[in-house]
Amino acid sequence: MAVRLGENFQREWDEEPFPGELWDAQKLLKENLASGRAMLTDLAGRGSTLAKMYLGHSLVKSGESSEVALGEIWLIRSAKDGSVEGRFQLFVHYKRQQQGDKAVAELEALADAGYAPAMYALGLTLYRGKLVNQDIPEAVKYLNMAKGAGHLPAMGLMAWIYRKEDFGLSGRIAAHWNCLAKIPSLAWYLFQYPNSDRLRGMRLP
């Protein structure tokens, strides 16, 4: 059975103008890095937003400073072209570089666009307080947004926060409810659609 992509990622592939060539470029990237990147560069020049994202991702994860800088440029271009995946990978890049303000700005843009995994990631980032200063009320706000958009790990993180922080009896009740309410859907998605955007970013606090 073919692996199902996340809902947004599948949408971007469905809108890709050169899906066959992009698929070939992805395979070539694994066999010959330089040739794969050259093919992605050609596709990006011809208007493939996903090629810009894949090229940027390949470059930033190399660790070489010149390639990382170039990869960031390609990810920015994919984000400006409207790629949700490109902007999310830009957030991941800024997070890896410990550029907290830039990482949060990308998440805020994605959250404003309605992307639930970004709402969850923003809530988690604000709660943990490592990239930026901790802001529990803002974290809860974004986690509630993610929950409303159907993101299941957001419910679990909210339960954790309600138990750990000073939310009183109502908070403990809400924590138990969030834990119980997510179980049926979580089990279904874990077994039937693990790459769904409803699960993206799932992690323990």
C-alpha atoms as a PDB file:
ATOM      1  CA  MET A   1       0.000   0.000   0.000  1.00  0.00           C
ATOM      2  CA  ALA A   2       1.340   3.465  -0.905  1.00  0.00           C
ATOM      3  CA  VAL A   3       2.146   5.791   1.966  1.00  0.00           C
ATOM      4  CA  ARG A   4      -0.472   8.495   2.369  1.00  0.00           C
ATOM      5  CA  LEU A   5       0.931  11.989   2.659  1.00  0.00           C
ATOM      6  CA  GLY A   6      -0.428  14.539   5.093  1.00  0.00           C
ATOM      7  CA  GLU A   7      -3.492  16.379   3.849  1.00  0.00           C
ATOM      8  CA  ASN A   8      -1.710  19.628   3.025  1.00  0.00           C
ATOM      9  CA  PHE A   9       1.329  17.919   1.535  1.00  0.00           C
ATOM     10  CA  GLN A  10      -0.967  15.863  -0.712  1.00  0.00           C
ATOM     11  CA  ARG A  11      -2.756  19.036  -1.802  1.00  0.00           C
ATOM     12  CA  GLU A  12       0.565  20.625  -2.760  1.00  0.00           C
ATOM     13  CA  TRP A  13       1.543  17.532  -4.731  1.00  0.00           C
ATOM     14  CA  ASP A  14      -1.855  17.555  -6.455  1.00  0.00           C
ATOM     15  CA  GLU A  15      -1.205  21.155  -7.528  1.00  0.00           C
ATOM     16  CA  GLU A  16       2.377  20.453  -8.651  1.00  0.00           C
ATOM     17  CA  PRO A  17       2.824  21.280 -12.371  1.00  0.00           C
ATOM     18  CA  PHE A  18       5.582  18.686 -12.915  1.00  0.00           C
ATOM     19  CA  PRO A  19       4.758  15.765 -10.600  1.00  0.00           C
ATOM     20  CA  GLY A  20       6.492  13.094 -12.656  1.00  0.00           C
ATOM     21  CA  GLU A  21       9.717  15.040 -13.012  1.00  0.00           C
ATOM     22  CA  LEU A  22       9.638  16.044  -9.350  1.00  0.00           C
ATOM     23  CA  TRP A  23       9.248  12.406  -8.342  1.00  0.00           C
ATOM     24  CA  ASP A  24      12.231  11.490 -10.540  1.00  0.00           C
ATOM     25  CA  ALA A  25      14.245  14.330  -8.969  1.00  0.00           C
ATOM     26  CA  GLN A  26      13.441  12.989  -5.508  1.00  0.00           C
ATOM     27  CA  LYS A  27      14.703   9.533  -6.463  1.00  0.00           C
ATOM     28  CA  LEU A  28      17.802  10.980  -8.119  1.00  0.00           C
ATOM     29  CA  LEU A  29      18.514  13.038  -5.011  1.00  0.00           C
ATOM     30  CA  LYS A  30      18.995   9.805  -3.059  1.00  0.00           C
ATOM     31  CA  GLU A  31      21.249   8.260  -5.717  1.00  0.00           C
ATOM     32  CA  ASN A  32      23.317  11.274  -6.748  1.00  0.00           C
ATOM     33  CA  LEU A  33      23.003  14.357  -4.560  1.00  0.00           C
ATOM     34  CA  ALA A  34      24.507  16.835  -7.019  1.00  0.00           C
ATOM     35  CA  SER A  35      22.433  15.590  -9.955  1.00  0.00           C
ATOM     36  CA  GLY A  36      19.264  15.543  -7.869  1.00  0.00           C
ATOM     37  CA  ARG A  37      19.834  19.109  -6.725  1.00  0.00           C
ATOM     38  CA  ALA A  38      20.531  20.194 -10.301  1.00  0.00           C
ATOM     39  CA  MET A  39      17.236  18.688 -11.430  1.00  0.00           C
ATOM     40  CA  LEU A  40      15.381  20.355  -8.548  1.00  0.00           C
ATOM     41  CA  THR A  41      17.019  23.690  -9.432  1.00  0.00           C
ATOM     42  CA  ASP A  42      15.774  23.320 -13.012  1.00  0.00           C
ATOM     43  CA  LEU A  43      12.249  22.508 -11.849  1.00  0.00           C
ATOM     44  CA  ALA A  44      12.307  25.414  -9.392  1.00  0.00           C
ATOM     45  CA  GLY A  45      13.317  27.737 -12.216  1.00  0.00           C
ATOM     46  CA  ARG A  46      10.371  26.470 -14.250  1.00  0.00           C
ATOM     47  CA  GLY A  47       7.916  27.315 -11.484  1.00  0.00           C
ATOM     48  CA  SER A  48       7.736  24.283  -9.204  1.00  0.00           C
ATOM     49  CA  THR A  49       7.104  25.524  -5.667  1.00  0.00           C
ATOM     50  CA  LEU A  50       7.633  22.062  -4.205  1.00  0.00           C
ATOM     51  CA  ALA A  51      10.976  21.784  -5.989  1.00  0.00           C
ATOM     52  CA  LYS A  52      12.062  24.959  -4.198  1.00  0.00           C
ATOM     53  CA  MET A  53      11.011  23.419  -0.898  1.00  0.00           C
ATOM     54  CA  TYR A  54      12.782  20.103  -1.529  1.00  0.00           C
ATOM     55  CA  LEU A  55      15.907  21.877  -2.733  1.00  0.00           C
ATOM     56  CA  GLY A  56      15.925  24.165   0.281  1.00  0.00           C
ATOM     57  CA  HIS A  57      15.377  21.272   2.648  1.00  0.00           C
ATOM     58  CA  SER A  58      18.223  19.292   1.094  1.00  0.00           C
ATOM     59  CA  LEU A  59      20.609  22.229   1.419  1.00  0.00           C
ATOM     60  CA  VAL A  60      19.787  23.381   4.964  1.00  0.00           C
ATOM     61  CA  LYS A  61      20.156  19.908   6.434  1.00  0.00           C
ATOM     62  CA  SER A  62      23.667  19.536   4.963  1.00  0.00           C
ATOM     63  CA  GLY A  63      25.267  21.528   7.751  1.00  0.00           C
ATOM     64  CA  GLU A  64      27.628  23.350   5.369  1.00  0.00           C
ATOM     65  CA  SER A  65      27.300  27.081   6.061  1.00  0.00           C
ATOM     66  CA  SER A  66      27.193  28.146   2.400  1.00  0.00           C
ATOM     67  CA  GLU A  67      24.632  25.460   1.553  1.00  0.00           C
ATOM     68  CA  VAL A  68      22.540  26.280   4.619  1.00  0.00           C
ATOM     69  CA  ALA A  69      22.392  29.946   3.586  1.00  0.00           C
ATOM     70  CA  LEU A  70      21.360  29.007   0.039  1.00  0.00           C
ATOM     71  CA  GLY A  71      18.830  26.499   1.327  1.00  0.00           C
ATOM     72  CA  GLU A  72      17.231  29.169   3.491  1.00  0.00           C
ATOM     73  CA  ILE A  73      16.795  31.349   0.416  1.00  0.00           C
ATOM     74  CA  TRP A  74      15.036  28.523  -1.438  1.00  0.00           C
ATOM     75  CA  LEU A  75      12.750  27.819   1.522  1.00  0.00           C
ATOM     76  CA  ILE A  76      11.858  31.510   1.735  1.00  0.00           C
ATOM     77  CA  ARG A  77      11.032  31.467  -1.982  1.00  0.00           C
ATOM     78  CA  SER A  78       8.796  28.432  -1.586  1.00  0.00           C
ATOM     79  CA  ALA A  79       7.020  30.071   1.355  1.00  0.00           C
ATOM     80  CA  LYS A  80       6.497  33.286  -0.619  1.00  0.00           C
ATOM     81  CA  ASP A  81       5.023  31.162  -3.412  1.00  0.00           C
ATOM     82  CA  GLY A  82       2.409  29.942  -0.942  1.00  0.00           C
ATOM     83  CA  SER A  83       3.835  26.577   0.093  1.00  0.00           C
ATOM     84  CA  VAL A  84       2.650  25.687   3.584  1.00  0.00           C
ATOM     85  CA  GLU A  85       5.196  22.872   3.666  1.00  0.00           C
ATOM     86  CA  GLY A  86       7.949  25.261   2.603  1.00  0.00           C
ATOM     87  CA  ARG A  87       7.064  27.702   5.385  1.00  0.00           C
ATOM     88  CA  PHE A  88       6.868  24.876   7.930  1.00  0.00           C
ATOM     89  CA  GLN A  89      10.321  23.665   6.866  1.00  0.00           C
ATOM     90  CA  LEU A  90      11.532  27.252   7.210  1.00  0.00           C
ATOM     91  CA  PHE A  91      10.281  27.199  10.802  1.00  0.00           C
ATOM     92  CA  VAL A  92      12.154  23.923  11.387  1.00  0.00           C
ATOM     93  CA  HIS A  93      15.291  25.488   9.944  1.00  0.00           C
ATOM     94  CA  TYR A  94      15.055  28.603  12.140  1.00  0.00           C
ATOM     95  CA  LYS A  95      14.391  26.407  15.156  1.00  0.00           C
ATOM     96  CA  ARG A  96      17.505  24.344  14.376  1.00  0.00           C
ATOM     97  CA  GLN A  97      19.476  27.596  14.081  1.00  0.00           C
ATOM     98  CA  GLN A  98      18.061  28.803  17.427  1.00  0.00           C
ATOM     99  CA  GLN A  99      16.522  31.861  15.745  1.00  0.00           C
ATOM    100  CA  GLY A 100      13.478  31.956  17.979  1.00  0.00           C
ATOM    101  CA  ASP A 101      11.829  35.162  16.776  1.00  0.00           C
ATOM    102  CA  LYS A 102      12.040  34.090  13.139  1.00  0.00           C
ATOM    103  CA  ALA A 103      10.773  30.589  13.948  1.00  0.00           C
ATOM    104  CA  VAL A 104       7.778  31.980  15.835  1.00  0.00           C
ATOM    105  CA  ALA A 105       7.022  34.455  13.046  1.00  0.00           C
ATOM    106  CA  GLU A 106       6.750  31.606  10.523  1.00  0.00           C
ATOM    107  CA  LEU A 107       4.480  29.639  12.852  1.00  0.00           C
ATOM    108  CA  GLU A 108       2.280  32.686  13.422  1.00  0.00           C
ATOM    109  CA  ALA A 109       1.890  33.134   9.659  1.00  0.00           C
ATOM    110  CA  LEU A 110       0.925  29.468   9.266  1.00  0.00           C
ATOM    111  CA  ALA A 111      -1.446  29.612  12.230  1.00  0.00           C
ATOM    112  CA  ASP A 112      -3.143  32.690  10.741  1.00  0.00           C
ATOM    113  CA  ALA A 113      -3.544  30.674   7.532  1.00  0.00           C
ATOM    114  CA  GLY A 114      -5.329  27.919   9.492  1.00  0.00           C
ATOM    115  CA  TYR A 115      -2.606  25.244   9.548  1.00  0.00           C
ATOM    116  CA  ALA A 116      -3.280  23.201  12.688  1.00  0.00           C
ATOM    117  CA  PRO A 117       0.213  21.635  13.095  1.00  0.00           C
ATOM    118  CA  ALA A 118       1.659  25.159  13.211  1.00  0.00           C
ATOM    119  CA  MET A 119      -0.854  26.173  15.879  1.00  0.00           C
ATOM    120  CA  TYR A 120       0.259  23.171  17.918  1.00  0.00           C
ATOM    121  CA  ALA A 121       3.965  23.834  17.341  1.00  0.00           C
ATOM    122  CA  LEU A 122       3.485  27.477  18.319  1.00  0.00           C
ATOM    123  CA  GLY A 123       1.636  26.510  21.486  1.00  0.00           C
ATOM    124  CA  LEU A 124       4.371  24.017  22.371  1.00  0.00           C
ATOM    125  CA  THR A 125       7.123  26.561  21.644  1.00  0.00           C
ATOM    126  CA  LEU A 126       5.493  29.219  23.799  1.00  0.00           C
ATOM    127  CA  TYR A 127       4.878  26.773  26.619  1.00  0.00           C
ATOM    128  CA  ARG A 128       8.391  25.311  26.684  1.00  0.00           C
ATOM    129  CA  GLY A 129      10.033  28.750  26.653  1.00  0.00           C
ATOM    130  CA  LYS A 130      13.316  27.630  25.096  1.00  0.00           C
ATOM    131  CA  LEU A 131      13.318  29.456  21.771  1.00  0.00           C
ATOM    132  CA  VAL A 132      11.374  32.432  23.123  1.00  0.00           C
ATOM    133  CA  ASN A 133      10.128  33.542  26.528  1.00  0.00           C
ATOM    134  CA  GLN A 134       7.460  31.310  28.036  1.00  0.00           C
ATOM    135  CA  ASP A 135       3.906  32.624  27.643  1.00  0.00           C
ATOM    136  CA  ILE A 136       1.381  30.136  29.031  1.00  0.00           C
ATOM    137  CA  PRO A 137      -1.803  32.098  28.199  1.00  0.00           C
ATOM    138  CA  GLU A 138      -0.679  32.507  24.575  1.00  0.00           C
ATOM    139  CA  ALA A 139       0.354  28.845  24.446  1.00  0.00           C
ATOM    140  CA  VAL A 140      -3.107  27.779  25.622  1.00  0.00           C
ATOM    141  CA  LYS A 141      -4.715  30.122  23.091  1.00  0.00           C
ATOM    142  CA  TYR A 142      -2.911  28.514  20.165  1.00  0.00           C
ATOM    143  CA  LEU A 143      -3.416  24.998  21.501  1.00  0.00           C
ATOM    144  CA  ASN A 144      -7.145  25.690  21.739  1.00  0.00           C
ATOM    145  CA  MET A 145      -7.037  26.862  18.126  1.00  0.00           C
ATOM    146  CA  ALA A 146      -5.237  23.657  17.136  1.00  0.00           C
ATOM    147  CA  LYS A 147      -7.734  21.556  19.072  1.00  0.00           C
ATOM    148  CA  GLY A 148     -10.599  23.334  17.319  1.00  0.00           C
ATOM    149  CA  ALA A 149      -8.938  22.520  13.984  1.00  0.00           C
ATOM    150  CA  GLY A 150      -8.820  18.828  14.900  1.00  0.00           C
ATOM    151  CA  HIS A 151      -5.183  18.479  15.954  1.00  0.00           C
ATOM    152  CA  LEU A 152      -5.078  15.552  18.386  1.00  0.00           C
ATOM    153  CA  PRO A 153      -1.703  16.035  20.144  1.00  0.00           C
ATOM    154  CA  ALA A 154      -2.844  19.559  21.031  1.00  0.00           C
ATOM    155  CA  MET A 155      -5.493  18.000  23.266  1.00  0.00           C
ATOM    156  CA  GLY A 156      -2.850  15.933  25.038  1.00  0.00           C
ATOM    157  CA  LEU A 157      -0.558  18.919  25.566  1.00  0.00           C
ATOM    158  CA  MET A 158      -3.450  20.964  26.912  1.00  0.00           C
ATOM    159  CA  ALA A 159      -4.201  18.173  29.369  1.00  0.00           C
ATOM    160  CA  TRP A 160      -0.548  18.254  30.478  1.00  0.00           C
ATOM    161  CA  ILE A 161      -0.636  22.039  30.962  1.00  0.00           C
ATOM    162  CA  TYR A 162      -3.912  21.934  32.884  1.00  0.00           C
ATOM    163  CA  ARG A 163      -2.430  19.375  35.255  1.00  0.00           C
ATOM    164  CA  LYS A 164       0.967  21.040  35.678  1.00  0.00           C
ATOM    165  CA  GLU A 165      -0.007  24.698  35.887  1.00  0.00           C
ATOM    166  CA  ASP A 166      -2.302  26.584  38.244  1.00  0.00           C
ATOM    167  CA  PHE A 167      -5.683  26.072  36.602  1.00  0.00           C
ATOM    168  CA  GLY A 168      -7.465  24.790  39.723  1.00  0.00           C
ATOM    169  CA  LEU A 169     -10.214  22.168  39.819  1.00  0.00           C
ATOM    170  CA  SER A 170     -11.651  23.262  36.485  1.00  0.00           C
ATOM    171  CA  GLY A 171      -8.246  22.746  34.956  1.00  0.00           C
ATOM    172  CA  ARG A 172      -7.963  19.205  36.293  1.00  0.00           C
ATOM    173  CA  ILE A 173     -11.437  18.387  34.982  1.00  0.00           C
ATOM    174  CA  ALA A 174     -10.503  19.819  31.583  1.00  0.00           C
ATOM    175  CA  ALA A 175      -7.283  17.788  31.612  1.00  0.00           C
ATOM    176  CA  HIS A 176      -9.133  14.523  32.160  1.00  0.00           C
ATOM    177  CA  TRP A 177     -11.696  15.402  29.511  1.00  0.00           C
ATOM    178  CA  ASN A 178      -9.011  16.219  26.919  1.00  0.00           C
ATOM    179  CA  CYS A 179      -7.248  12.924  27.613  1.00  0.00           C
ATOM    180  CA  LEU A 180     -10.390  10.836  27.307  1.00  0.00           C
ATOM    181  CA  ALA A 181     -11.874  12.697  24.352  1.00  0.00           C
ATOM    182  CA  LYS A 182      -8.864  12.200  22.092  1.00  0.00           C
ATOM    183  CA  ILE A 183      -8.384   8.438  22.595  1.00  0.00           C
ATOM    184  CA  PRO A 184     -10.768   7.042  19.910  1.00  0.00           C
ATOM    185  CA  SER A 185      -9.637   9.443  17.185  1.00  0.00           C
ATOM    186  CA  LEU A 186      -5.979   9.151  18.165  1.00  0.00           C
ATOM    187  CA  ALA A 187      -6.095   5.359  17.938  1.00  0.00           C
ATOM    188  CA  TRP A 188      -7.772   5.459  14.524  1.00  0.00           C
ATOM    189  CA  TYR A 189      -5.321   7.945  13.018  1.00  0.00           C
ATOM    190  CA  LEU A 190      -2.251   6.221  14.484  1.00  0.00           C
ATOM    191  CA  PHE A 191      -3.184   2.974  12.782  1.00  0.00           C
ATOM    192  CA  GLN A 192      -4.992   4.185   9.667  1.00  0.00           C
ATOM    193  CA  TYR A 193      -3.411   7.528   8.765  1.00  0.00           C
ATOM    194  CA  PRO A 194      -0.241   8.210  10.798  1.00  0.00           C
ATOM    195  CA  ASN A 195       0.951  10.949   8.414  1.00  0.00           C
ATOM    196  CA  SER A 196      -2.234  12.980   8.825  1.00  0.00           C
ATOM    197  CA  ASP A 197      -1.864  16.647   9.688  1.00  0.00           C
ATOM    198  CA  ARG A 198      -4.042  15.848  12.699  1.00  0.00           C
ATOM    199  CA  LEU A 199      -1.014  14.071  14.211  1.00  0.00           C
ATOM    200  CA  ARG A 200       1.870  16.116  12.829  1.00  0.00           C
ATOM    201  CA  GLY A 201       4.365  17.179  15.481  1.00  0.00           C
ATOM    202  CA  MET A 202       3.152  14.695  18.086  1.00  0.00           C
ATOM    203  CA  ARG A 203       5.617  14.624  20.963  1.00  0.00           C
ATOM    204  CA  LEU A 204       5.779  14.592  24.733  1.00  0.00           C
ATOM    205  CA  PRO A 205       6.257  17.975  26.470  1.00  0.00           C
END
